[in-house]
Amino acid sequence: MGAHPYWYFVKHQTNVQQALDELREREFRAGRYNPVIPFLSFQGGAQGLSPGPRHASIAEALEDAAEDGTRSILDIETVADEPDFGMAAPLDPELLEELYETTRPTRRMIEENMDFLEDVERGHCVYTVVYKDGKPDELFFAGYSFD
């Protein structure tokens, strides 16, 4: 079927794991995951959809989604230093420099150039700090579904 990209901007906080946990809970509560919504279109503003969860917990949703995964941030359980399945790893500073000519990209820069997604493996996720007026403003998470 092919892997599907997903991405999210959330309010910046220094504890990236906490930000990830809160994002996963938000998306679960909104019901923005497979199998509730089998295929989300992030280009079309997936954040606007909110059918609500159809499972008692994230763990139950993951079990129901099986090998297809949830096609969302729910598939990513932890933050890590290096890319791996089910983990969010930081974007390489050299790649940020190459893509944006800075290691402090703004939201606009990221929205206009997501070429880094070409190198993200299925079932993996990356994140970076997003800057506004030279200060951390948001965290950005992006990844690819398993299928």
N, C-alpha and C. Protein backbone atom coordinates (compact mmCIF):
# COMPACT_ATOMS: atom_id res chain seq x y z
N MET A 1 0.80 -1.19 0.00
CA MET A 1 0.00 0.00 0.00
C MET A 1 0.85 1.26 0.00
N GLY A 2 1.99 1.22 0.65
CA GLY A 2 2.86 2.38 0.68
C GLY A 2 2.76 3.14 1.99
N ALA A 3 3.90 3.61 2.44
CA ALA A 3 3.93 4.37 3.69
C ALA A 3 3.35 5.76 3.48
N HIS A 4 2.80 6.33 4.53
CA HIS A 4 2.19 7.65 4.48
C HIS A 4 2.90 8.57 5.48
N PRO A 5 3.23 9.79 5.04
CA PRO A 5 3.87 10.73 5.96
C PRO A 5 2.86 11.37 6.91
N TYR A 6 3.34 11.76 8.06
CA TYR A 6 2.54 12.54 9.01
C TYR A 6 3.45 13.55 9.68
N TRP A 7 2.88 14.66 10.15
CA TRP A 7 3.67 15.66 10.85
C TRP A 7 2.80 16.50 11.75
N TYR A 8 3.43 17.05 12.78
CA TYR A 8 2.73 17.83 13.81
C TYR A 8 3.65 18.93 14.34
N PHE A 9 3.07 20.06 14.62
CA PHE A 9 3.73 21.13 15.35
C PHE A 9 3.05 21.22 16.71
N VAL A 10 3.82 21.28 17.78
CA VAL A 10 3.27 21.43 19.13
C VAL A 10 4.04 22.52 19.85
N LYS A 11 3.44 23.05 20.89
CA LYS A 11 4.09 24.09 21.69
C LYS A 11 5.44 23.56 22.22
N HIS A 12 6.45 24.41 22.19
CA HIS A 12 7.78 24.01 22.64
C HIS A 12 7.79 23.75 24.14
N GLN A 13 8.51 22.73 24.51
CA GLN A 13 8.87 22.47 25.90
C GLN A 13 10.20 21.74 25.88
N THR A 14 10.95 21.90 26.94
CA THR A 14 12.29 21.31 26.96
C THR A 14 12.26 19.79 27.09
N ASN A 15 11.21 19.25 27.68
CA ASN A 15 11.09 17.81 27.82
C ASN A 15 10.39 17.25 26.58
N VAL A 16 11.19 16.77 25.63
CA VAL A 16 10.65 16.30 24.35
C VAL A 16 9.77 15.07 24.56
N GLN A 17 10.15 14.17 25.48
CA GLN A 17 9.33 12.99 25.74
C GLN A 17 7.95 13.40 26.25
N GLN A 18 7.88 14.37 27.12
CA GLN A 18 6.60 14.85 27.61
C GLN A 18 5.78 15.45 26.47
N ALA A 19 6.42 16.21 25.60
CA ALA A 19 5.73 16.78 24.44
C ALA A 19 5.17 15.67 23.55
N LEU A 20 5.97 14.63 23.33
CA LEU A 20 5.53 13.49 22.53
C LEU A 20 4.35 12.79 23.20
N ASP A 21 4.44 12.55 24.49
CA ASP A 21 3.35 11.89 25.22
C ASP A 21 2.06 12.70 25.12
N GLU A 22 2.16 14.01 25.29
CA GLU A 22 0.98 14.88 25.21
C GLU A 22 0.40 14.90 23.81
N LEU A 23 1.27 14.92 22.80
CA LEU A 23 0.81 14.89 21.41
C LEU A 23 0.10 13.58 21.12
N ARG A 24 0.65 12.47 21.55
CA ARG A 24 0.01 11.16 21.33
C ARG A 24 -1.36 11.13 21.98
N GLU A 25 -1.45 11.63 23.21
CA GLU A 25 -2.73 11.65 23.92
C GLU A 25 -3.74 12.55 23.19
N ARG A 26 -3.28 13.71 22.73
CA ARG A 26 -4.16 14.63 22.00
C ARG A 26 -4.72 13.97 20.74
N GLU A 27 -3.84 13.33 19.97
CA GLU A 27 -4.29 12.70 18.72
C GLU A 27 -5.17 11.49 18.98
N PHE A 28 -4.90 10.77 20.05
CA PHE A 28 -5.76 9.65 20.42
C PHE A 28 -7.16 10.15 20.79
N ARG A 29 -7.23 11.15 21.66
CA ARG A 29 -8.52 11.71 22.09
C ARG A 29 -9.32 12.27 20.92
N ALA A 30 -8.62 12.82 19.93
CA ALA A 30 -9.29 13.36 18.75
C ALA A 30 -9.74 12.26 17.79
N GLY A 31 -9.16 11.06 17.94
CA GLY A 31 -9.50 9.96 17.03
C GLY A 31 -8.81 10.07 15.69
N ARG A 32 -7.71 10.78 15.64
CA ARG A 32 -6.98 10.96 14.38
C ARG A 32 -5.92 9.86 14.24
N TYR A 33 -6.39 8.66 13.99
CA TYR A 33 -5.50 7.51 13.82
C TYR A 33 -6.26 6.39 13.13
N ASN A 34 -5.53 5.49 12.49
CA ASN A 34 -6.08 4.29 11.89
C ASN A 34 -6.36 3.30 13.03
N PRO A 35 -7.49 2.65 13.10
CA PRO A 35 -8.51 2.49 12.08
C PRO A 35 -9.69 3.47 12.17
N VAL A 36 -9.68 4.43 13.07
CA VAL A 36 -10.79 5.39 13.12
C VAL A 36 -10.85 6.17 11.81
N ILE A 37 -9.74 6.74 11.40
CA ILE A 37 -9.61 7.40 10.10
C ILE A 37 -8.48 6.64 9.39
N PRO A 38 -8.82 5.75 8.47
CA PRO A 38 -7.80 4.90 7.87
C PRO A 38 -6.63 5.66 7.22
N PHE A 39 -6.92 6.75 6.52
CA PHE A 39 -5.86 7.51 5.85
C PHE A 39 -6.07 8.99 6.07
N LEU A 40 -5.21 9.57 6.91
CA LEU A 40 -5.25 11.01 7.16
C LEU A 40 -4.50 11.75 6.06
N SER A 41 -5.01 12.89 5.66
CA SER A 41 -4.30 13.72 4.70
C SER A 41 -3.76 14.93 5.45
N PHE A 42 -2.46 14.93 5.68
CA PHE A 42 -1.86 16.03 6.43
C PHE A 42 -1.79 17.29 5.59
N GLN A 43 -1.76 17.13 4.27
CA GLN A 43 -1.78 18.30 3.40
C GLN A 43 -3.12 19.02 3.51
N GLY A 44 -4.16 18.30 3.81
CA GLY A 44 -5.50 18.88 3.88
C GLY A 44 -5.89 19.37 5.27
N GLY A 45 -4.96 19.39 6.20
CA GLY A 45 -5.26 19.89 7.53
C GLY A 45 -5.93 18.85 8.42
N ALA A 46 -5.24 17.76 8.66
CA ALA A 46 -5.79 16.66 9.46
C ALA A 46 -6.19 17.11 10.85
N GLN A 47 -5.55 18.15 11.37
CA GLN A 47 -5.86 18.60 12.73
C GLN A 47 -7.30 19.05 12.87
N GLY A 48 -7.98 19.38 11.76
CA GLY A 48 -9.36 19.82 11.83
C GLY A 48 -10.35 18.69 12.08
N LEU A 49 -9.99 17.46 11.75
CA LEU A 49 -10.86 16.31 11.97
C LEU A 49 -10.77 15.87 13.42
N SER A 50 -11.93 15.52 13.99
CA SER A 50 -11.91 15.08 15.39
C SER A 50 -13.11 14.18 15.69
N PRO A 51 -13.10 12.95 15.14
CA PRO A 51 -14.22 12.05 15.38
C PRO A 51 -14.23 11.42 16.78
N GLY A 52 -13.14 11.58 17.53
CA GLY A 52 -13.04 10.98 18.86
C GLY A 52 -12.50 9.57 18.79
N PRO A 53 -11.98 9.09 19.91
CA PRO A 53 -11.38 7.74 19.91
C PRO A 53 -12.44 6.66 19.81
N ARG A 54 -12.06 5.54 19.25
CA ARG A 54 -12.94 4.38 19.16
C ARG A 54 -12.36 3.21 19.94
N HIS A 55 -11.37 3.52 20.77
CA HIS A 55 -10.71 2.51 21.58
C HIS A 55 -10.58 3.02 23.01
N ALA A 56 -10.43 2.13 23.95
CA ALA A 56 -10.33 2.52 25.36
C ALA A 56 -8.95 3.10 25.71
N SER A 57 -7.94 2.79 24.90
CA SER A 57 -6.58 3.26 25.21
C SER A 57 -5.75 3.28 23.94
N ILE A 58 -4.61 3.94 24.01
CA ILE A 58 -3.67 3.93 22.89
C ILE A 58 -3.20 2.51 22.63
N ALA A 59 -2.93 1.76 23.69
CA ALA A 59 -2.48 0.38 23.53
C ALA A 59 -3.52 -0.45 22.76
N GLU A 60 -4.79 -0.25 23.05
CA GLU A 60 -5.85 -0.98 22.34
C GLU A 60 -5.90 -0.56 20.87
N ALA A 61 -5.73 0.73 20.61
CA ALA A 61 -5.72 1.22 19.23
C ALA A 61 -4.55 0.61 18.45
N LEU A 62 -3.37 0.55 19.09
CA LEU A 62 -2.20 -0.04 18.44
C LEU A 62 -2.44 -1.52 18.13
N GLU A 63 -3.06 -2.22 19.07
CA GLU A 63 -3.34 -3.64 18.87
C GLU A 63 -4.33 -3.83 17.71
N ASP A 64 -5.36 -2.99 17.66
CA ASP A 64 -6.37 -3.10 16.60
C ASP A 64 -5.78 -2.73 15.24
N ALA A 65 -4.87 -1.78 15.21
CA ALA A 65 -4.26 -1.36 13.94
C ALA A 65 -3.31 -2.44 13.41
N ALA A 66 -2.82 -3.29 14.29
CA ALA A 66 -1.94 -4.42 13.95
C ALA A 66 -0.73 -3.97 13.14
N GLU A 67 -0.37 -4.76 12.11
CA GLU A 67 0.86 -4.47 11.36
C GLU A 67 0.76 -3.21 10.50
N ASP A 68 -0.45 -2.72 10.24
CA ASP A 68 -0.61 -1.47 9.49
C ASP A 68 -0.16 -0.27 10.32
N GLY A 69 -0.24 -0.40 11.62
CA GLY A 69 0.05 0.73 12.50
C GLY A 69 -1.10 1.73 12.46
N THR A 70 -1.00 2.75 13.26
CA THR A 70 -2.07 3.76 13.33
C THR A 70 -1.93 4.83 12.28
N ARG A 71 -0.80 4.80 11.54
CA ARG A 71 -0.50 5.81 10.52
C ARG A 71 -0.49 7.21 11.13
N SER A 72 -0.01 7.27 12.36
CA SER A 72 0.01 8.54 13.09
C SER A 72 1.11 8.50 14.15
N ILE A 73 1.20 9.57 14.91
CA ILE A 73 2.19 9.69 15.98
C ILE A 73 1.96 8.65 17.08
N LEU A 74 0.79 8.02 17.11
CA LEU A 74 0.53 6.99 18.12
C LEU A 74 1.51 5.83 18.00
N ASP A 75 2.05 5.61 16.79
CA ASP A 75 3.01 4.52 16.58
C ASP A 75 4.38 4.81 17.21
N ILE A 76 4.60 6.04 17.62
CA ILE A 76 5.89 6.46 18.16
C ILE A 76 5.77 6.57 19.68
N GLU A 77 6.49 5.72 20.39
CA GLU A 77 6.32 5.65 21.84
C GLU A 77 7.37 6.38 22.65
N THR A 78 8.53 6.62 22.07
CA THR A 78 9.59 7.20 22.88
C THR A 78 10.53 8.06 22.04
N VAL A 79 11.28 8.89 22.73
CA VAL A 79 12.30 9.73 22.12
C VAL A 79 13.64 9.01 22.27
N ALA A 80 14.44 9.05 21.22
CA ALA A 80 15.75 8.38 21.25
C ALA A 80 16.79 9.27 20.59
N ASP A 81 18.05 8.95 20.81
CA ASP A 81 19.13 9.71 20.20
C ASP A 81 19.34 9.32 18.73
N GLU A 82 19.02 8.07 18.39
CA GLU A 82 19.22 7.56 17.04
C GLU A 82 17.89 7.02 16.49
N PRO A 83 17.67 7.12 15.18
CA PRO A 83 16.43 6.62 14.58
C PRO A 83 16.26 5.12 14.80
N ASP A 84 15.01 4.73 15.05
CA ASP A 84 14.65 3.32 15.17
C ASP A 84 13.13 3.22 15.10
N PHE A 85 12.63 2.01 14.96
CA PHE A 85 11.19 1.80 14.88
C PHE A 85 10.50 2.26 16.16
N GLY A 86 9.42 3.01 16.00
CA GLY A 86 8.64 3.44 17.15
C GLY A 86 9.29 4.52 17.99
N MET A 87 10.33 5.16 17.45
CA MET A 87 11.06 6.18 18.22
C MET A 87 11.18 7.47 17.42
N ALA A 88 11.21 8.58 18.14
CA ALA A 88 11.44 9.89 17.54
C ALA A 88 12.87 10.31 17.84
N ALA A 89 13.63 10.57 16.79
CA ALA A 89 15.03 10.98 16.94
C ALA A 89 15.19 12.39 16.38
N PRO A 90 16.15 13.14 16.92
CA PRO A 90 16.34 14.51 16.43
C PRO A 90 16.86 14.53 14.99
N LEU A 91 16.40 15.51 14.24
CA LEU A 91 16.96 15.72 12.90
C LEU A 91 18.42 16.12 13.05
N ASP A 92 19.25 15.62 12.18
CA ASP A 92 20.68 15.90 12.22
C ASP A 92 20.92 17.40 11.96
N PRO A 93 21.71 18.05 12.81
CA PRO A 93 22.00 19.48 12.62
C PRO A 93 22.62 19.78 11.24
N GLU A 94 23.43 18.85 10.72
CA GLU A 94 24.02 19.06 9.39
C GLU A 94 22.94 19.08 8.31
N LEU A 95 21.92 18.23 8.46
CA LEU A 95 20.81 18.21 7.51
C LEU A 95 20.00 19.50 7.62
N LEU A 96 19.77 19.97 8.84
CA LEU A 96 19.07 21.24 9.02
C LEU A 96 19.83 22.37 8.32
N GLU A 97 21.12 22.38 8.50
CA GLU A 97 21.96 23.41 7.87
C GLU A 97 21.88 23.31 6.35
N GLU A 98 21.91 22.09 5.85
CA GLU A 98 21.84 21.87 4.40
C GLU A 98 20.49 22.33 3.83
N LEU A 99 19.41 21.99 4.51
CA LEU A 99 18.07 22.32 4.02
C LEU A 99 17.67 23.77 4.23
N TYR A 100 18.06 24.33 5.38
CA TYR A 100 17.53 25.63 5.78
C TYR A 100 18.61 26.71 5.96
N GLU A 101 19.88 26.32 5.79
CA GLU A 101 21.00 27.22 6.00
C GLU A 101 21.03 27.77 7.43
N THR A 102 20.51 26.98 8.34
CA THR A 102 20.52 27.29 9.77
C THR A 102 20.18 26.02 10.54
N THR A 103 20.56 25.97 11.80
CA THR A 103 20.14 24.86 12.66
C THR A 103 18.94 25.29 13.50
N ARG A 104 18.41 26.48 13.21
CA ARG A 104 17.26 27.02 13.93
C ARG A 104 16.14 27.36 12.94
N PRO A 105 15.53 26.36 12.33
CA PRO A 105 14.51 26.63 11.32
C PRO A 105 13.23 27.22 11.93
N THR A 106 12.55 28.02 11.13
CA THR A 106 11.25 28.55 11.51
C THR A 106 10.17 27.60 11.00
N ARG A 107 8.97 27.81 11.45
CA ARG A 107 7.85 26.99 10.98
C ARG A 107 7.69 27.14 9.47
N ARG A 108 7.78 28.35 8.99
CA ARG A 108 7.61 28.59 7.56
C ARG A 108 8.66 27.81 6.76
N MET A 109 9.91 27.82 7.22
CA MET A 109 10.97 27.09 6.53
C MET A 109 10.62 25.61 6.43
N ILE A 110 10.17 25.05 7.52
CA ILE A 110 9.84 23.62 7.54
C ILE A 110 8.64 23.33 6.65
N GLU A 111 7.61 24.14 6.76
CA GLU A 111 6.41 23.92 5.93
C GLU A 111 6.72 24.01 4.44
N GLU A 112 7.69 24.85 4.09
CA GLU A 112 8.03 25.02 2.67
C GLU A 112 9.03 24.00 2.16
N ASN A 113 9.68 23.27 3.06
CA ASN A 113 10.67 22.30 2.63
C ASN A 113 10.73 21.13 3.60
N MET A 114 10.08 20.05 3.24
CA MET A 114 10.10 18.84 4.05
C MET A 114 10.87 17.73 3.33
N ASP A 115 11.90 18.11 2.60
CA ASP A 115 12.70 17.13 1.85
C ASP A 115 13.33 16.08 2.75
N PHE A 116 13.52 16.39 4.02
CA PHE A 116 14.11 15.42 4.96
C PHE A 116 13.26 14.16 5.07
N LEU A 117 11.96 14.27 4.77
CA LEU A 117 11.08 13.10 4.86
C LEU A 117 11.50 11.98 3.92
N GLU A 118 12.19 12.33 2.83
CA GLU A 118 12.64 11.31 1.88
C GLU A 118 13.57 10.30 2.53
N ASP A 119 14.27 10.71 3.59
CA ASP A 119 15.23 9.84 4.25
C ASP A 119 14.69 9.17 5.52
N VAL A 120 13.45 9.45 5.89
CA VAL A 120 12.86 8.85 7.09
C VAL A 120 12.33 7.46 6.73
N GLU A 121 12.76 6.47 7.47
CA GLU A 121 12.33 5.08 7.24
C GLU A 121 10.89 4.87 7.69
N ARG A 122 10.27 3.87 7.16
CA ARG A 122 8.92 3.50 7.60
C ARG A 122 8.96 3.15 9.09
N GLY A 123 7.97 3.65 9.81
CA GLY A 123 7.90 3.36 11.24
C GLY A 123 8.83 4.19 12.09
N HIS A 124 9.53 5.14 11.47
CA HIS A 124 10.45 6.03 12.19
C HIS A 124 9.85 7.43 12.25
N CYS A 125 10.40 8.24 13.14
CA CYS A 125 9.94 9.62 13.33
C CYS A 125 11.16 10.49 13.66
N VAL A 126 11.10 11.74 13.23
CA VAL A 126 12.13 12.71 13.57
C VAL A 126 11.48 13.91 14.23
N TYR A 127 12.29 14.69 14.92
CA TYR A 127 11.78 15.92 15.51
C TYR A 127 12.85 16.99 15.49
N THR A 128 12.41 18.23 15.61
CA THR A 128 13.33 19.35 15.74
C THR A 128 12.65 20.49 16.47
N VAL A 129 13.44 21.36 17.03
CA VAL A 129 12.93 22.58 17.65
C VAL A 129 12.66 23.57 16.53
N VAL A 130 11.54 24.27 16.63
CA VAL A 130 11.15 25.29 15.66
C VAL A 130 11.30 26.65 16.34
N TYR A 131 11.90 27.58 15.62
CA TYR A 131 12.21 28.89 16.21
C TYR A 131 11.31 30.00 15.66
N LYS A 132 11.07 30.98 16.49
CA LYS A 132 10.34 32.19 16.10
C LYS A 132 11.06 33.35 16.78
N ASP A 133 11.44 34.33 15.99
CA ASP A 133 12.18 35.48 16.51
C ASP A 133 13.44 35.04 17.27
N GLY A 134 14.08 33.98 16.78
CA GLY A 134 15.33 33.51 17.36
C GLY A 134 15.19 32.70 18.64
N LYS A 135 13.95 32.42 19.06
CA LYS A 135 13.73 31.67 20.31
C LYS A 135 12.93 30.40 20.02
N PRO A 136 13.16 29.34 20.81
CA PRO A 136 12.35 28.13 20.64
C PRO A 136 10.87 28.44 20.81
N ASP A 137 10.07 28.01 19.84
CA ASP A 137 8.64 28.30 19.86
C ASP A 137 7.78 27.03 19.81
N GLU A 138 8.24 26.06 19.01
CA GLU A 138 7.48 24.83 18.83
C GLU A 138 8.44 23.64 18.71
N LEU A 139 7.86 22.46 18.79
CA LEU A 139 8.54 21.22 18.43
C LEU A 139 7.81 20.67 17.22
N PHE A 140 8.55 20.11 16.32
CA PHE A 140 8.00 19.54 15.10
C PHE A 140 8.33 18.07 15.07
N PHE A 141 7.30 17.23 14.91
CA PHE A 141 7.48 15.79 14.79
C PHE A 141 7.00 15.37 13.40
N ALA A 142 7.74 14.52 12.72
CA ALA A 142 7.34 14.03 11.40
C ALA A 142 7.83 12.61 11.22
N GLY A 143 7.03 11.80 10.54
CA GLY A 143 7.44 10.42 10.33
C GLY A 143 6.67 9.77 9.20
N TYR A 144 6.92 8.47 9.05
CA TYR A 144 6.25 7.67 8.05
C TYR A 144 5.58 6.48 8.72
N SER A 145 4.40 6.15 8.21
CA SER A 145 3.67 4.99 8.71
C SER A 145 4.41 3.71 8.33
N PHE A 146 3.98 2.61 8.92
CA PHE A 146 4.61 1.32 8.66
C PHE A 146 4.26 0.77 7.28
N ASP A 147 3.02 0.95 6.87
CA ASP A 147 2.59 0.35 5.61
C ASP A 147 2.80 1.26 4.43
